[in-house]
């Protein structure tokens, strides 16, 4: 990338073999900047649908195409944001599942983050677990948790 001192977390090594690999750095940086700006804007506006859902899918696609080509600070911030989104009360189960899938993708590479880098509170996750497992509406067919 053009930014001096930037160290990406984990890139996809095979992207260097593509015939247009010289343009990938700029393309990835522009897409990541767009995702960060629009995802934060959608969260600030509390626009879960379609804003946050759309830009979280874009982030998922970014991970598939470019790997973790962002800084450790961005990685931690993405994880914290998605953790907050997953544990929102009264969130639709389908949206919760899609945010959780992206959160799992971000947490997958254990060697990239240490315990000192990231610590998440346990209580919101426990409350989510309690809400899903002991749901009084699922057996009635009112809400189905995937």
N, C-alpha and C. Protein backbone atom coordinates (compact mmCIF):
# COMPACT_ATOMS: atom_id res chain seq x y z
N UNK A 1 0.83 -1.19 0.00
CA UNK A 1 0.00 0.00 0.00
C UNK A 1 0.86 1.24 0.00
N UNK A 2 0.24 2.35 -0.29
CA UNK A 2 0.97 3.60 -0.34
C UNK A 2 1.22 4.18 1.05
N UNK A 3 0.46 3.77 2.03
CA UNK A 3 0.60 4.32 3.37
C UNK A 3 1.86 3.75 4.00
N UNK A 4 2.75 4.65 4.41
CA UNK A 4 4.01 4.22 4.98
C UNK A 4 3.77 3.68 6.39
N UNK A 5 4.40 2.55 6.69
CA UNK A 5 4.25 1.94 8.00
C UNK A 5 3.07 1.00 8.11
N UNK A 6 2.30 0.83 7.04
CA UNK A 6 1.15 -0.05 7.08
C UNK A 6 1.61 -1.50 7.00
N UNK A 7 1.15 -2.30 7.94
CA UNK A 7 1.46 -3.73 7.94
C UNK A 7 0.15 -4.49 7.91
N UNK A 8 -0.16 -5.15 6.79
CA UNK A 8 -1.42 -5.90 6.73
C UNK A 8 -1.37 -7.13 7.64
N UNK A 9 -2.52 -7.53 8.12
CA UNK A 9 -2.61 -8.68 9.01
C UNK A 9 -2.20 -9.95 8.28
N UNK A 10 -2.95 -10.34 7.27
CA UNK A 10 -2.67 -11.58 6.54
C UNK A 10 -3.27 -11.44 5.15
N UNK A 11 -2.41 -11.43 4.17
CA UNK A 11 -2.87 -11.31 2.79
C UNK A 11 -3.01 -12.69 2.17
N UNK A 12 -3.75 -12.77 1.09
CA UNK A 12 -3.84 -14.00 0.32
C UNK A 12 -2.63 -14.01 -0.61
N UNK A 13 -1.75 -14.99 -0.42
CA UNK A 13 -0.48 -14.99 -1.15
C UNK A 13 -0.67 -15.21 -2.65
N UNK A 14 -1.75 -15.87 -3.03
CA UNK A 14 -1.98 -16.17 -4.44
C UNK A 14 -2.38 -14.94 -5.24
N UNK A 15 -2.80 -13.88 -4.57
CA UNK A 15 -3.14 -12.65 -5.28
C UNK A 15 -1.91 -12.06 -5.96
N UNK A 16 -0.73 -12.34 -5.44
CA UNK A 16 0.50 -11.85 -6.05
C UNK A 16 0.80 -12.50 -7.40
N UNK A 17 0.14 -13.58 -7.70
CA UNK A 17 0.35 -14.28 -8.97
C UNK A 17 -0.60 -13.81 -10.07
N UNK A 18 -1.55 -12.95 -9.72
CA UNK A 18 -2.50 -12.47 -10.70
C UNK A 18 -1.84 -11.50 -11.67
N UNK A 19 -2.32 -11.43 -12.93
CA UNK A 19 -1.69 -10.54 -13.90
C UNK A 19 -1.86 -9.06 -13.56
N UNK A 20 -2.81 -8.72 -12.74
CA UNK A 20 -3.04 -7.33 -12.36
C UNK A 20 -2.69 -7.08 -10.90
N UNK A 21 -1.72 -7.83 -10.37
CA UNK A 21 -1.37 -7.73 -8.95
C UNK A 21 -0.82 -6.35 -8.58
N UNK A 22 -0.29 -5.60 -9.54
CA UNK A 22 0.24 -4.28 -9.24
C UNK A 22 -0.87 -3.29 -8.89
N UNK A 23 -2.10 -3.55 -9.30
CA UNK A 23 -3.23 -2.67 -9.00
C UNK A 23 -3.98 -3.09 -7.75
N UNK A 24 -3.69 -4.27 -7.20
CA UNK A 24 -4.45 -4.80 -6.07
C UNK A 24 -4.31 -3.95 -4.81
N UNK A 25 -3.14 -3.43 -4.55
CA UNK A 25 -2.93 -2.62 -3.35
C UNK A 25 -3.86 -1.41 -3.32
N UNK A 26 -3.87 -0.68 -4.42
CA UNK A 26 -4.72 0.52 -4.49
C UNK A 26 -6.21 0.14 -4.45
N UNK A 27 -6.56 -0.91 -5.17
CA UNK A 27 -7.96 -1.36 -5.21
C UNK A 27 -8.44 -1.80 -3.83
N UNK A 28 -7.61 -2.56 -3.12
CA UNK A 28 -7.98 -3.03 -1.78
C UNK A 28 -8.07 -1.87 -0.80
N UNK A 29 -7.14 -0.91 -0.89
CA UNK A 29 -7.16 0.23 0.01
C UNK A 29 -8.41 1.09 -0.21
N UNK A 30 -8.78 1.30 -1.47
CA UNK A 30 -9.97 2.09 -1.76
C UNK A 30 -11.24 1.39 -1.28
N UNK A 31 -11.32 0.09 -1.52
CA UNK A 31 -12.50 -0.67 -1.09
C UNK A 31 -12.60 -0.71 0.43
N UNK A 32 -11.49 -0.90 1.12
CA UNK A 32 -11.51 -0.93 2.58
C UNK A 32 -11.91 0.43 3.15
N UNK A 33 -11.41 1.51 2.57
CA UNK A 33 -11.79 2.85 3.03
C UNK A 33 -13.29 3.08 2.83
N UNK A 34 -13.81 2.62 1.71
CA UNK A 34 -15.24 2.76 1.43
C UNK A 34 -16.08 1.94 2.42
N UNK A 35 -15.63 0.72 2.71
CA UNK A 35 -16.35 -0.14 3.65
C UNK A 35 -16.34 0.49 5.04
N UNK A 36 -15.18 0.94 5.49
CA UNK A 36 -15.08 1.53 6.83
C UNK A 36 -15.95 2.78 6.96
N UNK A 37 -15.91 3.64 5.96
CA UNK A 37 -16.69 4.88 6.02
C UNK A 37 -18.19 4.60 6.02
N UNK A 38 -18.63 3.75 5.12
CA UNK A 38 -20.06 3.51 5.00
C UNK A 38 -20.61 2.62 6.11
N UNK A 39 -19.82 1.68 6.58
CA UNK A 39 -20.26 0.85 7.70
C UNK A 39 -20.41 1.70 8.96
N UNK A 40 -19.45 2.56 9.21
CA UNK A 40 -19.55 3.43 10.39
C UNK A 40 -20.71 4.41 10.25
N UNK A 41 -20.93 4.91 9.04
CA UNK A 41 -22.05 5.84 8.81
C UNK A 41 -23.38 5.13 9.06
N UNK A 42 -23.51 3.89 8.59
CA UNK A 42 -24.76 3.15 8.77
C UNK A 42 -25.00 2.83 10.24
N UNK A 43 -23.94 2.52 10.98
CA UNK A 43 -24.08 2.24 12.41
C UNK A 43 -24.48 3.51 13.16
N UNK A 44 -23.84 4.63 12.82
CA UNK A 44 -24.18 5.89 13.49
C UNK A 44 -25.62 6.31 13.21
N UNK A 45 -26.10 6.02 12.02
CA UNK A 45 -27.49 6.35 11.68
C UNK A 45 -28.48 5.29 12.16
N UNK A 46 -27.96 4.21 12.75
CA UNK A 46 -28.77 3.09 13.24
C UNK A 46 -29.62 2.47 12.13
N UNK A 47 -29.01 2.37 10.98
CA UNK A 47 -29.66 1.81 9.81
C UNK A 47 -29.19 0.37 9.63
N UNK A 48 -29.78 -0.53 10.42
CA UNK A 48 -29.36 -1.93 10.35
C UNK A 48 -29.73 -2.54 9.01
N UNK A 49 -30.89 -2.17 8.50
CA UNK A 49 -31.29 -2.66 7.19
C UNK A 49 -31.60 -1.45 6.33
N UNK A 50 -31.07 -1.32 5.18
CA UNK A 50 -30.13 -2.17 4.47
C UNK A 50 -28.67 -1.80 4.70
N UNK A 51 -28.39 -0.68 5.38
CA UNK A 51 -27.03 -0.15 5.47
C UNK A 51 -26.00 -1.08 6.07
N UNK A 52 -26.16 -1.44 7.34
CA UNK A 52 -25.17 -2.27 8.02
C UNK A 52 -25.11 -3.65 7.37
N UNK A 53 -26.26 -4.19 6.99
CA UNK A 53 -26.29 -5.51 6.36
C UNK A 53 -25.51 -5.51 5.04
N UNK A 54 -25.71 -4.47 4.23
CA UNK A 54 -25.03 -4.38 2.94
C UNK A 54 -23.53 -4.26 3.11
N UNK A 55 -23.09 -3.36 3.99
CA UNK A 55 -21.66 -3.12 4.14
C UNK A 55 -20.96 -4.24 4.90
N UNK A 56 -21.68 -4.97 5.74
CA UNK A 56 -21.06 -6.14 6.37
C UNK A 56 -20.87 -7.25 5.34
N UNK A 57 -21.80 -7.37 4.38
CA UNK A 57 -21.59 -8.33 3.28
C UNK A 57 -20.41 -7.93 2.42
N UNK A 58 -20.24 -6.62 2.22
CA UNK A 58 -19.07 -6.14 1.47
C UNK A 58 -17.77 -6.48 2.21
N UNK A 59 -17.78 -6.36 3.53
CA UNK A 59 -16.60 -6.71 4.32
C UNK A 59 -16.33 -8.21 4.22
N UNK A 60 -17.37 -9.02 4.23
CA UNK A 60 -17.22 -10.47 4.07
C UNK A 60 -16.59 -10.79 2.71
N UNK A 61 -17.05 -10.10 1.66
CA UNK A 61 -16.46 -10.29 0.32
C UNK A 61 -15.02 -9.83 0.29
N UNK A 62 -14.72 -8.73 0.97
CA UNK A 62 -13.34 -8.23 1.05
C UNK A 62 -12.43 -9.29 1.67
N UNK A 63 -12.90 -9.94 2.74
CA UNK A 63 -12.09 -10.99 3.38
C UNK A 63 -11.83 -12.14 2.42
N UNK A 64 -12.81 -12.49 1.63
CA UNK A 64 -12.64 -13.58 0.68
C UNK A 64 -11.68 -13.21 -0.45
N UNK A 65 -11.76 -11.97 -0.91
CA UNK A 65 -10.93 -11.55 -2.05
C UNK A 65 -9.50 -11.18 -1.66
N UNK A 66 -9.34 -10.45 -0.56
CA UNK A 66 -8.03 -9.89 -0.22
C UNK A 66 -7.44 -10.43 1.07
N UNK A 67 -8.19 -11.24 1.79
CA UNK A 67 -7.71 -11.71 3.08
C UNK A 67 -7.82 -10.60 4.11
N UNK A 68 -6.99 -10.66 5.12
CA UNK A 68 -7.02 -9.65 6.17
C UNK A 68 -5.98 -8.56 5.85
N UNK A 69 -6.24 -7.85 4.78
CA UNK A 69 -5.34 -6.80 4.31
C UNK A 69 -5.72 -5.49 4.99
N UNK A 70 -5.71 -5.52 6.30
CA UNK A 70 -5.94 -4.31 7.09
C UNK A 70 -5.09 -4.40 8.34
N UNK A 71 -4.99 -3.31 9.04
CA UNK A 71 -4.13 -3.25 10.22
C UNK A 71 -4.75 -4.00 11.39
N UNK A 72 -3.93 -4.27 12.39
CA UNK A 72 -4.41 -4.94 13.59
C UNK A 72 -5.46 -4.09 14.30
N UNK A 73 -5.29 -2.78 14.30
CA UNK A 73 -6.26 -1.89 14.93
C UNK A 73 -7.61 -1.98 14.24
N UNK A 74 -7.60 -1.99 12.90
CA UNK A 74 -8.86 -2.15 12.16
C UNK A 74 -9.49 -3.50 12.44
N UNK A 75 -8.67 -4.53 12.53
CA UNK A 75 -9.15 -5.88 12.81
C UNK A 75 -9.88 -5.91 14.15
N UNK A 76 -9.28 -5.33 15.17
CA UNK A 76 -9.88 -5.30 16.51
C UNK A 76 -11.17 -4.50 16.48
N UNK A 77 -11.17 -3.36 15.79
CA UNK A 77 -12.38 -2.53 15.73
C UNK A 77 -13.51 -3.23 14.99
N UNK A 78 -13.20 -3.93 13.90
CA UNK A 78 -14.24 -4.70 13.20
C UNK A 78 -14.84 -5.77 14.11
N UNK A 79 -14.00 -6.46 14.85
CA UNK A 79 -14.49 -7.51 15.75
C UNK A 79 -15.38 -6.92 16.83
N UNK A 80 -14.95 -5.82 17.44
CA UNK A 80 -15.75 -5.20 18.50
C UNK A 80 -17.10 -4.71 17.96
N UNK A 81 -17.09 -4.13 16.77
CA UNK A 81 -18.33 -3.65 16.17
C UNK A 81 -19.28 -4.81 15.91
N UNK A 82 -18.77 -5.88 15.32
CA UNK A 82 -19.64 -7.01 15.01
C UNK A 82 -20.11 -7.73 16.26
N UNK A 83 -19.30 -7.77 17.28
CA UNK A 83 -19.73 -8.35 18.55
C UNK A 83 -20.90 -7.56 19.12
N UNK A 84 -20.80 -6.24 19.05
CA UNK A 84 -21.91 -5.39 19.52
C UNK A 84 -23.16 -5.61 18.68
N UNK A 85 -22.99 -5.77 17.37
CA UNK A 85 -24.15 -5.99 16.51
C UNK A 85 -24.81 -7.34 16.79
N UNK A 86 -24.00 -8.38 16.99
CA UNK A 86 -24.55 -9.71 17.25
C UNK A 86 -25.34 -9.72 18.56
N UNK A 87 -24.86 -9.02 19.55
CA UNK A 87 -25.49 -9.07 20.87
C UNK A 87 -26.56 -8.00 21.07
N UNK A 88 -26.97 -7.32 20.00
CA UNK A 88 -28.05 -6.34 20.13
C UNK A 88 -29.33 -7.05 20.57
N UNK A 89 -30.05 -6.47 21.52
CA UNK A 89 -31.33 -7.08 21.89
C UNK A 89 -32.38 -6.85 20.79
N UNK A 90 -33.24 -7.81 20.64
CA UNK A 90 -34.35 -7.76 19.66
C UNK A 90 -33.88 -7.67 18.21
N UNK A 91 -32.72 -8.20 17.92
CA UNK A 91 -32.22 -8.24 16.55
C UNK A 91 -32.85 -9.44 15.85
N UNK A 92 -33.21 -9.26 14.60
CA UNK A 92 -33.80 -10.36 13.84
C UNK A 92 -32.80 -11.52 13.77
N UNK A 93 -33.29 -12.75 13.94
CA UNK A 93 -32.37 -13.90 13.94
C UNK A 93 -31.56 -14.04 12.66
N UNK A 94 -32.15 -13.72 11.53
CA UNK A 94 -31.42 -13.83 10.27
C UNK A 94 -30.24 -12.86 10.23
N UNK A 95 -30.46 -11.62 10.67
CA UNK A 95 -29.38 -10.63 10.69
C UNK A 95 -28.33 -11.02 11.73
N UNK A 96 -28.77 -11.53 12.88
CA UNK A 96 -27.84 -11.97 13.90
C UNK A 96 -26.93 -13.08 13.35
N UNK A 97 -27.51 -13.97 12.60
CA UNK A 97 -26.74 -15.08 12.02
C UNK A 97 -25.71 -14.56 11.01
N UNK A 98 -26.10 -13.61 10.18
CA UNK A 98 -25.14 -13.10 9.18
C UNK A 98 -24.01 -12.31 9.85
N UNK A 99 -24.32 -11.53 10.88
CA UNK A 99 -23.26 -10.82 11.60
C UNK A 99 -22.36 -11.80 12.35
N UNK A 100 -22.95 -12.84 12.90
CA UNK A 100 -22.15 -13.84 13.62
C UNK A 100 -21.22 -14.59 12.66
N UNK A 101 -21.68 -14.85 11.45
CA UNK A 101 -20.85 -15.53 10.45
C UNK A 101 -19.63 -14.68 10.11
N UNK A 102 -19.84 -13.38 9.96
CA UNK A 102 -18.72 -12.48 9.68
C UNK A 102 -17.79 -12.37 10.88
N UNK A 103 -18.35 -12.33 12.07
CA UNK A 103 -17.54 -12.28 13.29
C UNK A 103 -16.66 -13.52 13.41
N UNK A 104 -17.22 -14.68 13.09
CA UNK A 104 -16.44 -15.92 13.12
C UNK A 104 -15.30 -15.87 12.11
N UNK A 105 -15.57 -15.33 10.93
CA UNK A 105 -14.50 -15.19 9.92
C UNK A 105 -13.37 -14.31 10.43
N UNK A 106 -13.73 -13.24 11.12
CA UNK A 106 -12.70 -12.33 11.64
C UNK A 106 -11.92 -12.93 12.80
N UNK A 107 -12.56 -13.80 13.56
CA UNK A 107 -11.90 -14.42 14.72
C UNK A 107 -11.17 -15.71 14.37
N UNK A 108 -11.30 -16.16 13.15
CA UNK A 108 -10.80 -17.49 12.76
C UNK A 108 -9.30 -17.67 12.93
N UNK A 109 -8.51 -16.72 12.53
CA UNK A 109 -7.05 -16.83 12.59
C UNK A 109 -6.58 -16.43 13.99
N UNK A 110 -6.43 -17.41 14.85
CA UNK A 110 -6.09 -17.15 16.25
C UNK A 110 -4.69 -16.57 16.41
N UNK A 111 -3.82 -16.84 15.47
CA UNK A 111 -2.44 -16.37 15.61
C UNK A 111 -2.29 -14.87 15.34
N UNK A 112 -3.31 -14.23 14.78
CA UNK A 112 -3.21 -12.81 14.45
C UNK A 112 -3.47 -11.89 15.63
N UNK A 113 -4.26 -12.35 16.58
CA UNK A 113 -4.61 -11.51 17.73
C UNK A 113 -4.30 -12.25 19.02
N UNK A 114 -3.76 -11.53 19.98
CA UNK A 114 -3.50 -12.13 21.28
C UNK A 114 -4.56 -11.68 22.27
N UNK A 115 -4.51 -12.21 23.46
CA UNK A 115 -5.46 -11.81 24.50
C UNK A 115 -5.26 -10.36 24.91
N UNK A 116 -4.05 -9.88 24.76
CA UNK A 116 -3.79 -8.47 25.08
C UNK A 116 -4.41 -7.53 24.05
N UNK A 117 -4.53 -8.00 22.81
CA UNK A 117 -5.09 -7.18 21.74
C UNK A 117 -6.60 -7.03 21.84
N UNK A 118 -7.27 -8.10 22.27
CA UNK A 118 -8.73 -8.11 22.23
C UNK A 118 -9.30 -8.84 23.42
N UNK A 119 -10.21 -8.17 24.11
CA UNK A 119 -10.97 -8.79 25.18
C UNK A 119 -12.41 -8.34 25.03
N UNK A 120 -13.32 -9.32 24.99
CA UNK A 120 -14.73 -9.04 24.82
C UNK A 120 -15.48 -9.40 26.09
N UNK A 121 -16.50 -8.62 26.45
CA UNK A 121 -17.27 -8.94 27.66
C UNK A 121 -18.10 -10.20 27.45
N UNK A 122 -18.22 -11.01 28.48
CA UNK A 122 -18.92 -12.28 28.36
C UNK A 122 -20.42 -12.16 28.59
N UNK A 123 -20.84 -11.17 29.35
CA UNK A 123 -22.25 -11.09 29.75
C UNK A 123 -23.22 -10.91 28.58
N UNK A 124 -22.97 -10.04 27.60
CA UNK A 124 -23.92 -9.92 26.48
C UNK A 124 -24.07 -11.23 25.70
N UNK A 125 -22.98 -11.98 25.56
CA UNK A 125 -23.05 -13.26 24.86
C UNK A 125 -23.85 -14.28 25.66
N UNK A 126 -23.69 -14.27 26.97
CA UNK A 126 -24.46 -15.16 27.82
C UNK A 126 -25.95 -14.82 27.76
N UNK A 127 -26.26 -13.52 27.76
CA UNK A 127 -27.67 -13.11 27.66
C UNK A 127 -28.27 -13.51 26.32
N UNK A 128 -27.49 -13.44 25.26
CA UNK A 128 -27.95 -13.89 23.95
C UNK A 128 -28.20 -15.39 23.97
N UNK A 129 -27.28 -16.14 24.54
CA UNK A 129 -27.43 -17.58 24.67
C UNK A 129 -28.70 -17.92 25.45
N UNK A 130 -28.91 -17.24 26.54
CA UNK A 130 -30.08 -17.48 27.37
C UNK A 130 -31.37 -17.15 26.61
N UNK A 131 -31.35 -16.06 25.85
CA UNK A 131 -32.52 -15.64 25.07
C UNK A 131 -32.84 -16.64 23.97
N UNK A 132 -31.81 -17.21 23.35
CA UNK A 132 -32.04 -18.15 22.24
C UNK A 132 -32.41 -19.54 22.75
N UNK A 133 -31.68 -20.05 23.71
CA UNK A 133 -31.91 -21.42 24.18
C UNK A 133 -33.23 -21.54 24.93
N UNK A 134 -33.54 -20.58 25.75
CA UNK A 134 -34.76 -20.64 26.55
C UNK A 134 -35.86 -19.75 25.98
N UNK A 135 -35.95 -19.70 24.65
CA UNK A 135 -36.95 -18.88 23.99
C UNK A 135 -38.34 -19.48 24.20
N UNK A 136 -39.28 -18.62 24.58
CA UNK A 136 -40.66 -19.07 24.78
C UNK A 136 -41.46 -19.00 23.49
N UNK A 137 -40.88 -18.39 22.44
CA UNK A 137 -41.62 -18.21 21.20
C UNK A 137 -41.21 -19.18 20.10
N UNK A 138 -40.04 -19.80 20.21
CA UNK A 138 -39.58 -20.66 19.12
C UNK A 138 -40.43 -21.90 18.97
N UNK A 139 -40.79 -22.54 20.07
CA UNK A 139 -41.56 -23.78 19.97
C UNK A 139 -42.99 -23.51 19.48
N UNK A 140 -43.42 -22.27 19.56
CA UNK A 140 -44.73 -21.89 19.02
C UNK A 140 -44.66 -21.55 17.51
N UNK A 141 -43.44 -21.47 17.01
CA UNK A 141 -43.24 -21.14 15.61
C UNK A 141 -43.25 -19.65 15.32
N UNK A 142 -43.21 -18.82 16.34
CA UNK A 142 -43.25 -17.38 16.13
C UNK A 142 -41.89 -16.84 15.70
N UNK A 143 -40.84 -17.29 16.33
CA UNK A 143 -39.48 -16.90 15.95
C UNK A 143 -38.67 -18.18 15.81
N UNK A 144 -37.97 -18.30 14.68
CA UNK A 144 -37.12 -19.47 14.48
C UNK A 144 -35.67 -19.02 14.43
N UNK A 145 -34.86 -19.58 15.32
CA UNK A 145 -33.45 -19.24 15.35
C UNK A 145 -32.67 -20.24 14.52
N UNK A 146 -31.91 -19.75 13.55
CA UNK A 146 -31.12 -20.67 12.71
C UNK A 146 -29.98 -21.29 13.49
